[in-house]
């Protein structure tokens, strides 16, 4: 009996360890800091996040992510904008199949996002003095606003959005090209009564191919975005753009640059979902262009880090203001 129990435990332990070895888990903390230029409201932004990805052999995997973002308002801006606190949650699952008839890999992926943010603004109310002097009102007005009878009241608006993004991807067996069709649906719920809720539909087909013995990769993704509510865009409901990416791998060893790339966005997009970066552009302004350059270093077979500098151009359609943001992004990934 003891021999049977020991044999069972040994077989069970070997099976569990074999299954554990079949999973590859990667954790990726990240940080971003950006400065706004020509924006009458926003001053700086920083972002802290972490992603956890678990891949099971060549069959599929799961990913989980969390990002915290904070936007600081410019001091003394006319709209009374103070800040935005945002928390974004991400979950993704992918399943791979290898049909003989296609001579390649089909991937079925589903991403989901939940974003909650709080916008802080200061509302200023002017109280006119009564016909006869009133020391009490004068003292109170001076205490709340530094004089002149202005009361400044902080107001907080809570907003939330939910996004689902199914995708179907095909990659040929030689890994020299891939095709993807993705659709995203986003539902925005705004706490401010003067802002209408919005639903966003997005189609984002992608085509990528390799050359130079696969040391170079080109990817093109089109964005076709439709908004059901246009109160923030002066009636404009459709936004189209093309994201172009080039990536080059070096014949390098550990502790050197493994690859670099350049990303370019042409056209216009708004409230977009980027499946490559696993992020939602939840800021309700129109993006009119972007460029970024990035490098990745390989410290070992299981440890990498990435540095990126970028520039993004935006337009606030409601007030007709053009502004931009320059940012630095860094992440570190480790697999076990």
Protein backbone atom coordinates (compact mmCIF):
# COMPACT_ATOMS: atom_id res chain seq x y z
CA UNK A 1 0.00 0.00 0.00
CA UNK A 2 2.80 2.40 0.90
CA UNK A 3 4.51 1.57 -2.37
CA UNK A 4 1.30 2.31 -4.26
CA UNK A 5 0.80 5.65 -2.48
CA UNK A 6 4.41 6.67 -3.06
CA UNK A 7 4.17 5.69 -6.73
CA UNK A 8 0.94 7.67 -7.11
CA UNK A 9 2.43 10.75 -5.46
CA UNK A 10 5.54 10.51 -7.62
CA UNK A 11 3.51 10.24 -10.84
CA UNK A 12 1.18 13.07 -9.73
CA UNK A 13 4.13 15.33 -8.84
CA UNK A 14 5.84 14.65 -12.17
CA UNK A 15 2.60 15.41 -14.02
CA UNK A 16 2.09 18.70 -12.16
CA UNK A 17 5.71 19.75 -12.73
CA UNK A 18 5.43 18.85 -16.41
CA UNK A 19 2.30 20.97 -16.73
CA UNK A 20 3.94 23.81 -14.83
CA UNK A 21 6.91 23.71 -17.16
CA UNK A 22 4.51 23.98 -20.09
CA UNK A 23 3.48 27.47 -18.97
CA UNK A 24 5.68 30.51 -19.63
CA UNK A 25 4.81 33.48 -17.44
CA UNK A 26 6.01 37.02 -18.08
CA UNK A 27 5.58 40.06 -15.84
CA UNK A 28 6.05 43.54 -17.33
CA UNK A 29 5.95 46.68 -15.17
CA UNK A 30 5.86 49.95 -17.14
CA UNK A 31 6.14 53.70 -16.66
CA UNK A 32 5.33 56.70 -18.84
CA UNK A 33 5.76 60.45 -18.30
CA UNK A 34 4.56 63.13 -20.72
CA UNK A 35 4.44 66.92 -21.04
CA UNK A 36 1.62 68.74 -22.83
CA UNK A 37 2.44 71.65 -25.12
CA UNK A 38 -0.05 74.36 -26.24
CA UNK A 39 -2.86 72.82 -24.18
CA UNK A 40 -4.85 75.42 -22.22
CA UNK A 41 -5.92 72.78 -19.67
CA UNK A 42 -3.39 69.94 -19.28
CA UNK A 43 0.17 70.23 -17.99
CA UNK A 44 1.68 66.77 -17.40
CA UNK A 45 0.72 63.08 -17.34
CA UNK A 46 2.28 60.03 -15.78
CA UNK A 47 1.32 56.38 -16.00
CA UNK A 48 2.23 53.35 -13.90
CA UNK A 49 1.18 49.85 -14.86
CA UNK A 50 1.92 46.16 -14.87
CA UNK A 51 1.03 43.27 -17.20
CA UNK A 52 1.08 39.56 -16.43
CA UNK A 53 1.04 37.10 -19.35
CA UNK A 54 0.88 33.30 -19.15
CA UNK A 55 1.38 31.27 -22.37
CA UNK A 56 0.69 27.55 -22.57
CA UNK A 57 3.01 25.93 -25.13
CA UNK A 58 1.82 26.96 -28.61
CA UNK A 59 -1.85 26.56 -27.73
CA UNK A 60 -2.75 29.97 -26.29
CA UNK A 61 -2.51 32.12 -23.22
CA UNK A 62 -3.99 34.64 -20.82
CA UNK A 63 -3.01 38.23 -20.02
CA UNK A 64 -3.97 40.58 -17.22
CA UNK A 65 -3.07 44.23 -16.85
CA UNK A 66 -3.59 47.32 -14.71
CA UNK A 67 -2.66 50.93 -15.45
CA UNK A 68 -2.96 54.02 -13.29
CA UNK A 69 -2.80 57.42 -15.01
CA UNK A 70 -2.77 60.93 -13.57
CA UNK A 71 -3.19 64.12 -15.61
CA UNK A 72 -2.26 67.39 -13.88
CA UNK A 73 -4.05 70.57 -14.95
CA UNK A 74 -2.32 73.85 -15.70
CA UNK A 75 -2.32 76.34 -12.86
CA UNK A 76 -4.96 79.03 -13.26
CA UNK A 77 -6.58 77.64 -16.44
CA UNK A 78 -9.85 79.32 -17.34
CA UNK A 79 -11.92 76.14 -17.26
CA UNK A 80 -11.01 75.32 -13.66
CA UNK A 81 -9.63 71.91 -14.64
CA UNK A 82 -7.55 70.34 -11.86
CA UNK A 83 -6.77 66.73 -12.65
CA UNK A 84 -7.86 63.31 -13.90
CA UNK A 85 -7.28 60.07 -11.97
CA UNK A 86 -7.76 56.99 -14.13
CA UNK A 87 -7.61 53.26 -13.45
CA UNK A 88 -7.65 50.85 -16.39
CA UNK A 89 -8.10 47.08 -16.08
CA UNK A 90 -7.29 44.67 -18.91
CA UNK A 91 -7.89 40.96 -19.48
CA UNK A 92 -7.15 38.98 -22.64
CA UNK A 93 -7.32 35.41 -23.84
CA UNK A 94 -5.93 33.87 -27.03
CA UNK A 95 -6.30 30.41 -28.56
CA UNK A 96 -4.16 29.11 -31.44
CA UNK A 97 -5.16 26.47 -33.98
CA UNK A 98 -3.18 24.96 -36.86
CA UNK A 99 -5.53 23.85 -39.65
CA UNK A 100 -3.84 21.76 -42.35
CA UNK A 101 -5.86 23.44 -45.09
CA UNK A 102 -4.36 26.87 -44.35
CA UNK A 103 -0.70 25.94 -43.78
CA UNK A 104 -0.36 28.35 -40.93
CA UNK A 105 -1.70 29.45 -37.54
CA UNK A 106 -5.12 30.87 -36.74
CA UNK A 107 -5.37 32.86 -33.51
CA UNK A 108 -8.64 33.75 -31.82
CA UNK A 109 -8.15 36.58 -29.34
CA UNK A 110 -10.56 38.45 -27.10
CA UNK A 111 -9.57 41.56 -25.14
CA UNK A 112 -11.69 43.36 -22.56
CA UNK A 113 -11.09 46.69 -20.81
CA UNK A 114 -12.74 48.47 -17.92
CA UNK A 115 -11.73 52.08 -17.27
CA UNK A 116 -12.82 54.29 -14.39
CA UNK A 117 -11.72 57.88 -13.93
CA UNK A 118 -12.47 60.87 -11.77
CA UNK A 119 -12.19 64.39 -13.18
CA UNK A 120 -11.65 67.23 -10.72
CA UNK A 121 -12.67 70.79 -11.60
CA UNK A 122 -13.09 73.97 -9.57
CA UNK A 123 -16.32 75.88 -9.98
CA UNK A 124 -16.20 79.57 -9.13
CA UNK A 125 -19.38 81.30 -7.91
CA UNK A 126 -19.51 85.08 -7.51
CA UNK A 127 -21.76 86.44 -4.77
CA UNK A 128 -22.81 90.04 -5.13
CA UNK A 129 -22.80 92.07 -1.88
CA UNK A 130 -26.21 93.12 -0.52
CA UNK A 131 -27.35 96.77 -0.76
CA UNK A 132 -26.41 97.40 2.88
CA UNK A 133 -23.02 96.36 4.25
CA UNK A 134 -22.98 92.88 5.74
CA UNK A 135 -19.75 92.08 7.62
CA UNK A 136 -20.63 88.36 7.87
CA UNK A 137 -20.99 87.88 4.10
CA UNK A 138 -17.86 89.92 3.44
CA UNK A 139 -15.81 87.87 5.89
CA UNK A 140 -17.05 84.54 4.50
CA UNK A 141 -16.40 85.50 0.90
CA UNK A 142 -12.91 86.64 1.73
CA UNK A 143 -12.19 83.45 3.67
CA UNK A 144 -13.25 81.10 0.82
CA UNK A 145 -11.64 82.83 -2.11
CA UNK A 146 -9.12 85.35 -0.91
CA UNK A 147 -11.56 88.26 -1.34
CA UNK A 148 -13.82 89.70 -4.08
CA UNK A 149 -16.80 87.55 -3.05
CA UNK A 150 -15.86 84.48 -5.16
CA UNK A 151 -16.55 81.00 -3.81
CA UNK A 152 -14.40 78.21 -5.29
CA UNK A 153 -15.94 74.77 -4.98
CA UNK A 154 -14.18 71.55 -6.04
CA UNK A 155 -16.41 69.25 -8.10
CA UNK A 156 -15.67 65.65 -9.05
CA UNK A 157 -17.12 63.79 -12.04
CA UNK A 158 -16.87 60.01 -12.22
CA UNK A 159 -16.77 58.41 -15.67
CA UNK A 160 -16.43 54.82 -16.81
CA UNK A 161 -16.09 52.85 -20.02
CA UNK A 162 -16.15 49.20 -21.03
CA UNK A 163 -14.60 47.78 -24.20
CA UNK A 164 -14.63 44.38 -25.89
CA UNK A 165 -12.23 43.68 -28.75
CA UNK A 166 -12.40 40.30 -30.57
CA UNK A 167 -9.71 39.60 -33.18
CA UNK A 168 -8.93 36.86 -35.72
CA UNK A 169 -5.31 36.57 -36.90
CA UNK A 170 -3.66 34.34 -39.50
CA UNK A 171 0.12 33.84 -39.77
CA UNK A 172 1.68 31.62 -42.41
CA UNK A 173 3.91 28.71 -41.39
CA UNK A 174 7.10 30.47 -42.49
CA UNK A 175 6.17 33.50 -40.32
CA UNK A 176 6.79 35.88 -43.21
CA UNK A 177 3.38 37.61 -43.10
CA UNK A 178 0.21 37.85 -41.04
CA UNK A 179 -3.32 39.19 -41.42
CA UNK A 180 -5.73 40.33 -38.75
CA UNK A 181 -9.31 41.53 -38.56
CA UNK A 182 -10.45 43.14 -35.33
CA UNK A 183 -13.62 44.82 -34.13
CA UNK A 184 -13.94 46.85 -30.93
CA UNK A 185 -17.05 48.13 -29.19
CA UNK A 186 -16.71 50.73 -26.43
CA UNK A 187 -19.43 52.08 -24.17
CA UNK A 188 -18.68 55.40 -22.42
CA UNK A 189 -20.71 56.59 -19.43
CA UNK A 190 -20.03 60.16 -18.29
CA UNK A 191 -20.87 61.51 -14.85
CA UNK A 192 -21.17 65.12 -16.04
CA UNK A 193 -24.81 65.67 -17.05
CA UNK A 194 -23.85 68.12 -19.83
CA UNK A 195 -21.85 65.39 -21.62
CA UNK A 196 -23.77 62.71 -23.49
CA UNK A 197 -22.91 59.03 -23.16
CA UNK A 198 -21.26 57.55 -26.23
CA UNK A 199 -20.85 54.24 -28.03
CA UNK A 200 -17.86 53.68 -30.30
CA UNK A 201 -17.50 51.09 -33.07
CA UNK A 202 -14.05 50.34 -34.48
CA UNK A 203 -12.74 48.16 -37.29
CA UNK A 204 -8.96 47.70 -37.30
CA UNK A 205 -7.66 45.37 -40.05
CA UNK A 206 -3.92 44.71 -40.02
CA UNK A 207 -1.32 43.37 -42.45
CA UNK A 208 2.30 42.65 -41.59
CA UNK A 209 5.20 41.12 -43.48
CA UNK A 210 8.87 40.37 -42.98
CA UNK A 211 11.87 40.81 -45.26
CA UNK A 212 15.66 40.90 -45.11
CA UNK A 213 15.68 37.29 -43.84
CA UNK A 214 13.03 38.40 -41.30
CA UNK A 215 15.38 40.87 -39.66
CA UNK A 216 12.87 43.57 -40.66
CA UNK A 217 9.12 43.68 -40.16
CA UNK A 218 6.54 46.11 -41.56
CA UNK A 219 3.04 46.36 -40.09
CA UNK A 220 0.12 48.49 -41.28
CA UNK A 221 -3.11 48.79 -39.30
CA UNK A 222 -6.09 50.83 -40.48
CA UNK A 223 -8.55 52.36 -38.02
CA UNK A 224 -12.17 52.98 -39.02
CA UNK A 225 -13.96 54.51 -36.03
CA UNK A 226 -17.60 55.57 -35.74
CA UNK A 227 -19.13 57.52 -32.82
CA UNK A 228 -22.85 57.34 -32.15
CA UNK A 229 -22.87 60.71 -30.34
CA UNK A 230 -21.22 63.75 -31.90
CA UNK A 231 -21.92 66.47 -29.33
CA UNK A 232 -18.18 66.75 -28.54
CA UNK A 233 -17.08 66.69 -32.18
CA UNK A 234 -19.35 69.30 -33.84
CA UNK A 235 -21.22 66.61 -35.77
CA UNK A 236 -18.18 64.63 -36.93
CA UNK A 237 -18.89 60.92 -36.42
CA UNK A 238 -16.28 59.05 -38.50
CA UNK A 239 -12.50 59.00 -38.04
CA UNK A 240 -10.04 57.11 -40.25
CA UNK A 241 -6.30 56.62 -39.86
CA UNK A 242 -3.37 54.35 -40.72
CA UNK A 243 -0.76 53.18 -38.20
CA UNK A 244 2.57 52.23 -39.78
CA UNK A 245 5.25 50.30 -37.85
CA UNK A 246 8.77 49.25 -38.83
CA UNK A 247 10.87 46.99 -36.62
CA UNK A 248 14.45 45.82 -37.13
CA UNK A 249 16.29 43.07 -35.25
CA UNK A 250 20.06 43.17 -34.83
CA UNK A 251 22.43 40.22 -34.91
CA UNK A 252 23.33 40.89 -31.32
CA UNK A 253 24.22 39.09 -28.12
CA UNK A 254 23.09 39.64 -24.54
CA UNK A 255 23.32 43.10 -22.95
CA UNK A 256 23.06 44.84 -26.33
CA UNK A 257 20.23 46.35 -28.34
CA UNK A 258 18.17 43.48 -29.70
CA UNK A 259 15.78 45.50 -31.86
CA UNK A 260 14.54 48.98 -32.63
CA UNK A 261 11.50 50.40 -34.35
CA UNK A 262 9.60 53.45 -35.55
CA UNK A 263 5.82 53.91 -35.25
CA UNK A 264 3.89 56.51 -37.28
CA UNK A 265 0.20 57.42 -37.21
CA UNK A 266 -1.36 59.23 -40.18
CA UNK A 267 -4.92 60.50 -40.33
CA UNK A 268 -7.44 61.03 -37.56
CA UNK A 269 -8.70 58.80 -34.79
CA UNK A 270 -10.71 59.30 -31.62
CA UNK A 271 -11.43 57.02 -28.64
CA UNK A 272 -9.34 54.37 -30.39
CA UNK A 273 -8.49 50.89 -29.11
CA UNK A 274 -4.88 49.86 -29.81
CA UNK A 275 -4.55 46.05 -29.56
CA UNK A 276 -0.77 46.17 -30.06
CA UNK A 277 -0.25 48.36 -26.99
CA UNK A 278 -3.27 46.88 -25.15
CA UNK A 279 -4.66 50.32 -24.38
CA UNK A 280 -7.71 52.51 -24.96
CA UNK A 281 -7.32 56.19 -25.86
CA UNK A 282 -10.15 57.26 -23.57
CA UNK A 283 -9.41 61.01 -23.76
CA UNK A 284 -12.22 62.55 -25.80
CA UNK A 285 -9.99 64.55 -28.16
CA UNK A 286 -9.10 63.83 -31.77
CA UNK A 287 -5.62 62.42 -32.40
CA UNK A 288 -4.26 63.83 -35.66
CA UNK A 289 -0.82 62.23 -35.86
CA UNK A 290 1.96 60.55 -33.90
CA UNK A 291 5.52 59.31 -34.18
CA UNK A 292 7.60 57.22 -31.80
CA UNK A 293 10.99 55.52 -31.77
CA UNK A 294 11.88 52.66 -29.46
CA UNK A 295 14.71 50.26 -28.57
CA UNK A 296 14.71 46.95 -26.74
CA UNK A 297 17.66 45.47 -24.86
CA UNK A 298 18.04 41.78 -24.03
CA UNK A 299 19.78 41.25 -20.69
CA UNK A 300 19.33 37.48 -20.79
CA UNK A 301 17.07 34.90 -22.41
CA UNK A 302 14.31 35.77 -19.93
CA UNK A 303 14.90 39.47 -19.17
CA UNK A 304 14.35 42.46 -21.46
CA UNK A 305 13.71 46.17 -21.20
CA UNK A 306 12.38 48.76 -23.62
CA UNK A 307 12.80 52.53 -23.96
CA UNK A 308 10.55 54.68 -26.14
CA UNK A 309 10.27 58.39 -26.97
CA UNK A 310 7.14 59.70 -28.66
CA UNK A 311 5.21 62.69 -29.94
CA UNK A 312 1.41 62.81 -30.34
CA UNK A 313 -0.68 65.59 -31.89
CA UNK A 314 -4.29 66.26 -30.77
CA UNK A 315 -7.17 68.60 -31.49
CA UNK A 316 -9.93 69.56 -29.07
CA UNK A 317 -12.82 69.72 -31.54
CA UNK A 318 -15.10 71.46 -29.06
CA UNK A 319 -12.91 74.58 -28.73
CA UNK A 320 -10.75 74.18 -31.86
CA UNK A 321 -7.45 73.98 -29.97
CA UNK A 322 -4.42 72.05 -31.30
CA UNK A 323 -1.93 70.70 -28.78
CA UNK A 324 0.65 67.94 -28.48
CA UNK A 325 2.36 65.73 -25.96
CA UNK A 326 5.95 64.51 -25.83
CA UNK A 327 6.57 61.49 -23.65
CA UNK A 328 9.07 58.91 -22.44
CA UNK A 329 8.05 55.28 -21.90
CA UNK A 330 9.96 52.47 -20.22
CA UNK A 331 9.15 48.85 -19.44
CA UNK A 332 10.96 45.85 -18.00
CA UNK A 333 9.91 42.24 -18.63
CA UNK A 334 10.99 39.03 -16.97
CA UNK A 335 9.89 35.49 -17.86
CA UNK A 336 9.92 32.37 -15.74
